[in-house]
Amino acid sequence: MKQVLVALICLSIFTLSLEADPVPRAKECCRKYSKRIPALTKIQHYKKMSQRCNMDAVLFKVNGKWICLNPKDKKVKELVKKFSQCLSE
């Protein structure tokens, strides 16, 4: 009985440690880039995905949804720069 209890406690601790893991889950990583570049006025927020995902991406929040864009794209770089300037004003 004690062994079962110890095993359940260990399993619970293991499960909690997985949930606290800062590594993004697959659903938080981009699988493809959007071809649509949003207007600056529509962007609510943006963030850059880390190297923990398979592909680098800039995510823009537009109308409550996240859109993945290629960070190497010239238009995306300009959009990030303009949006950052708007935040600092």
C-alpha atoms as a PDB file:
ATOM      1  CA  MET A   1       0.000   0.000   0.000  1.00  0.00           C
ATOM      2  CA  LYS A   2       2.843   2.363   0.874  1.00  0.00           C
ATOM      3  CA  GLN A   3       4.527   1.632  -2.450  1.00  0.00           C
ATOM      4  CA  VAL A   4       1.386   2.547  -4.358  1.00  0.00           C
ATOM      5  CA  LEU A   5       1.069   5.804  -2.418  1.00  0.00           C
ATOM      6  CA  VAL A   6       4.728   6.677  -3.022  1.00  0.00           C
ATOM      7  CA  ALA A   7       4.358   5.869  -6.721  1.00  0.00           C
ATOM      8  CA  LEU A   8       1.273   8.123  -6.998  1.00  0.00           C
ATOM      9  CA  ILE A   9       3.055  10.982  -5.229  1.00  0.00           C
ATOM     10  CA  CYS A  10       6.070  10.635  -7.540  1.00  0.00           C
ATOM     11  CA  LEU A  11       3.801  10.574 -10.576  1.00  0.00           C
ATOM     12  CA  SER A  12       1.984  13.695  -9.353  1.00  0.00           C
ATOM     13  CA  ILE A  13       5.244  15.562  -8.809  1.00  0.00           C
ATOM     14  CA  PHE A  14       6.475  14.524 -12.263  1.00  0.00           C
ATOM     15  CA  THR A  15       3.224  15.701 -13.875  1.00  0.00           C
ATOM     16  CA  LEU A  16       3.376  19.058 -12.094  1.00  0.00           C
ATOM     17  CA  SER A  17       6.981  19.571 -13.132  1.00  0.00           C
ATOM     18  CA  LEU A  18       5.998  19.022 -16.777  1.00  0.00           C
ATOM     19  CA  GLU A  19       3.243  21.615 -16.515  1.00  0.00           C
ATOM     20  CA  ALA A  20       5.662  24.156 -15.021  1.00  0.00           C
ATOM     21  CA  ASP A  21       8.140  23.612 -17.847  1.00  0.00           C
ATOM     22  CA  PRO A  22       8.846  26.951 -19.627  1.00  0.00           C
ATOM     23  CA  VAL A  23       9.377  25.219 -22.973  1.00  0.00           C
ATOM     24  CA  PRO A  24       6.536  26.163 -25.301  1.00  0.00           C
ATOM     25  CA  ARG A  25       4.104  23.470 -26.273  1.00  0.00           C
ATOM     26  CA  ALA A  26       3.684  22.604 -29.954  1.00  0.00           C
ATOM     27  CA  LYS A  27       0.410  24.528 -30.087  1.00  0.00           C
ATOM     28  CA  GLU A  28       2.302  27.710 -29.125  1.00  0.00           C
ATOM     29  CA  CYS A  29       4.779  27.337 -31.991  1.00  0.00           C
ATOM     30  CA  CYS A  30       4.104  28.440 -35.543  1.00  0.00           C
ATOM     31  CA  ARG A  31       3.744  25.774 -38.196  1.00  0.00           C
ATOM     32  CA  LYS A  32       3.549  28.140 -41.165  1.00  0.00           C
ATOM     33  CA  TYR A  33       3.716  31.850 -41.909  1.00  0.00           C
ATOM     34  CA  SER A  34       0.700  33.915 -42.782  1.00  0.00           C
ATOM     35  CA  LYS A  35       0.794  35.603 -46.175  1.00  0.00           C
ATOM     36  CA  ARG A  36      -1.379  38.430 -44.869  1.00  0.00           C
ATOM     37  CA  ILE A  37       0.482  41.283 -43.204  1.00  0.00           C
ATOM     38  CA  PRO A  38      -1.833  43.183 -40.846  1.00  0.00           C
ATOM     39  CA  ALA A  39      -2.263  46.936 -40.835  1.00  0.00           C
ATOM     40  CA  LEU A  40      -0.395  48.717 -38.060  1.00  0.00           C
ATOM     41  CA  THR A  41      -3.664  50.075 -36.633  1.00  0.00           C
ATOM     42  CA  LYS A  42      -5.093  46.547 -36.235  1.00  0.00           C
ATOM     43  CA  ILE A  43      -2.188  45.174 -34.156  1.00  0.00           C
ATOM     44  CA  GLN A  44      -2.901  44.810 -30.446  1.00  0.00           C
ATOM     45  CA  HIS A  45       0.378  43.199 -29.390  1.00  0.00           C
ATOM     46  CA  TYR A  46       3.339  41.304 -30.786  1.00  0.00           C
ATOM     47  CA  LYS A  47       5.984  38.877 -29.577  1.00  0.00           C
ATOM     48  CA  LYS A  48       8.913  36.994 -31.017  1.00  0.00           C
ATOM     49  CA  MET A  49       9.006  33.234 -30.733  1.00  0.00           C
ATOM     50  CA  SER A  50      12.120  31.766 -29.215  1.00  0.00           C
ATOM     51  CA  GLN A  51      14.485  29.219 -30.685  1.00  0.00           C
ATOM     52  CA  ARG A  52      12.626  26.516 -28.753  1.00  0.00           C
ATOM     53  CA  CYS A  53      10.230  26.228 -31.680  1.00  0.00           C
ATOM     54  CA  ASN A  54      11.145  24.688 -35.028  1.00  0.00           C
ATOM     55  CA  MET A  55      10.765  27.957 -36.902  1.00  0.00           C
ATOM     56  CA  ASP A  56      11.508  31.553 -35.936  1.00  0.00           C
ATOM     57  CA  ALA A  57       8.462  33.771 -36.103  1.00  0.00           C
ATOM     58  CA  VAL A  58       7.026  37.097 -35.074  1.00  0.00           C
ATOM     59  CA  LEU A  59       3.504  36.799 -33.756  1.00  0.00           C
ATOM     60  CA  PHE A  60       1.082  39.692 -34.062  1.00  0.00           C
ATOM     61  CA  LYS A  61      -2.173  39.742 -32.139  1.00  0.00           C
ATOM     62  CA  VAL A  62      -4.911  41.025 -34.445  1.00  0.00           C
ATOM     63  CA  ASN A  63      -8.592  40.969 -33.454  1.00  0.00           C
ATOM     64  CA  GLY A  64      -7.783  38.618 -30.579  1.00  0.00           C
ATOM     65  CA  LYS A  65      -5.993  36.054 -32.772  1.00  0.00           C
ATOM     66  CA  TRP A  66      -2.257  35.436 -33.174  1.00  0.00           C
ATOM     67  CA  ILE A  67      -0.804  35.601 -36.687  1.00  0.00           C
ATOM     68  CA  CYS A  68       2.624  34.088 -37.447  1.00  0.00           C
ATOM     69  CA  LEU A  69       4.894  36.061 -39.757  1.00  0.00           C
ATOM     70  CA  ASN A  70       8.400  35.545 -41.081  1.00  0.00           C
ATOM     71  CA  PRO A  71      10.840  37.690 -39.052  1.00  0.00           C
ATOM     72  CA  LYS A  72      13.221  37.852 -42.054  1.00  0.00           C
ATOM     73  CA  ASP A  73      10.589  39.484 -44.276  1.00  0.00           C
ATOM     74  CA  LYS A  74      11.394  43.156 -44.913  1.00  0.00           C
ATOM     75  CA  LYS A  75       7.769  44.262 -44.411  1.00  0.00           C
ATOM     76  CA  VAL A  76       7.560  42.370 -41.113  1.00  0.00           C
ATOM     77  CA  LYS A  77      10.761  44.015 -39.865  1.00  0.00           C
ATOM     78  CA  GLU A  78       9.331  47.434 -40.738  1.00  0.00           C
ATOM     79  CA  LEU A  79       6.062  46.608 -38.997  1.00  0.00           C
ATOM     80  CA  VAL A  80       7.862  45.518 -35.809  1.00  0.00           C
ATOM     81  CA  LYS A  81       9.906  48.721 -35.863  1.00  0.00           C
ATOM     82  CA  LYS A  82       6.842  50.953 -36.382  1.00  0.00           C
ATOM     83  CA  PHE A  83       4.796  49.161 -33.725  1.00  0.00           C
ATOM     84  CA  SER A  84       7.671  49.415 -31.224  1.00  0.00           C
ATOM     85  CA  GLN A  85       7.920  53.141 -31.924  1.00  0.00           C
ATOM     86  CA  CYS A  86       4.184  53.551 -31.305  1.00  0.00           C
ATOM     87  CA  LEU A  87       4.558  51.825 -27.930  1.00  0.00           C
ATOM     88  CA  SER A  88       7.429  54.063 -26.868  1.00  0.00           C
ATOM     89  CA  GLU A  89       5.577  57.293 -27.662  1.00  0.00           C
END
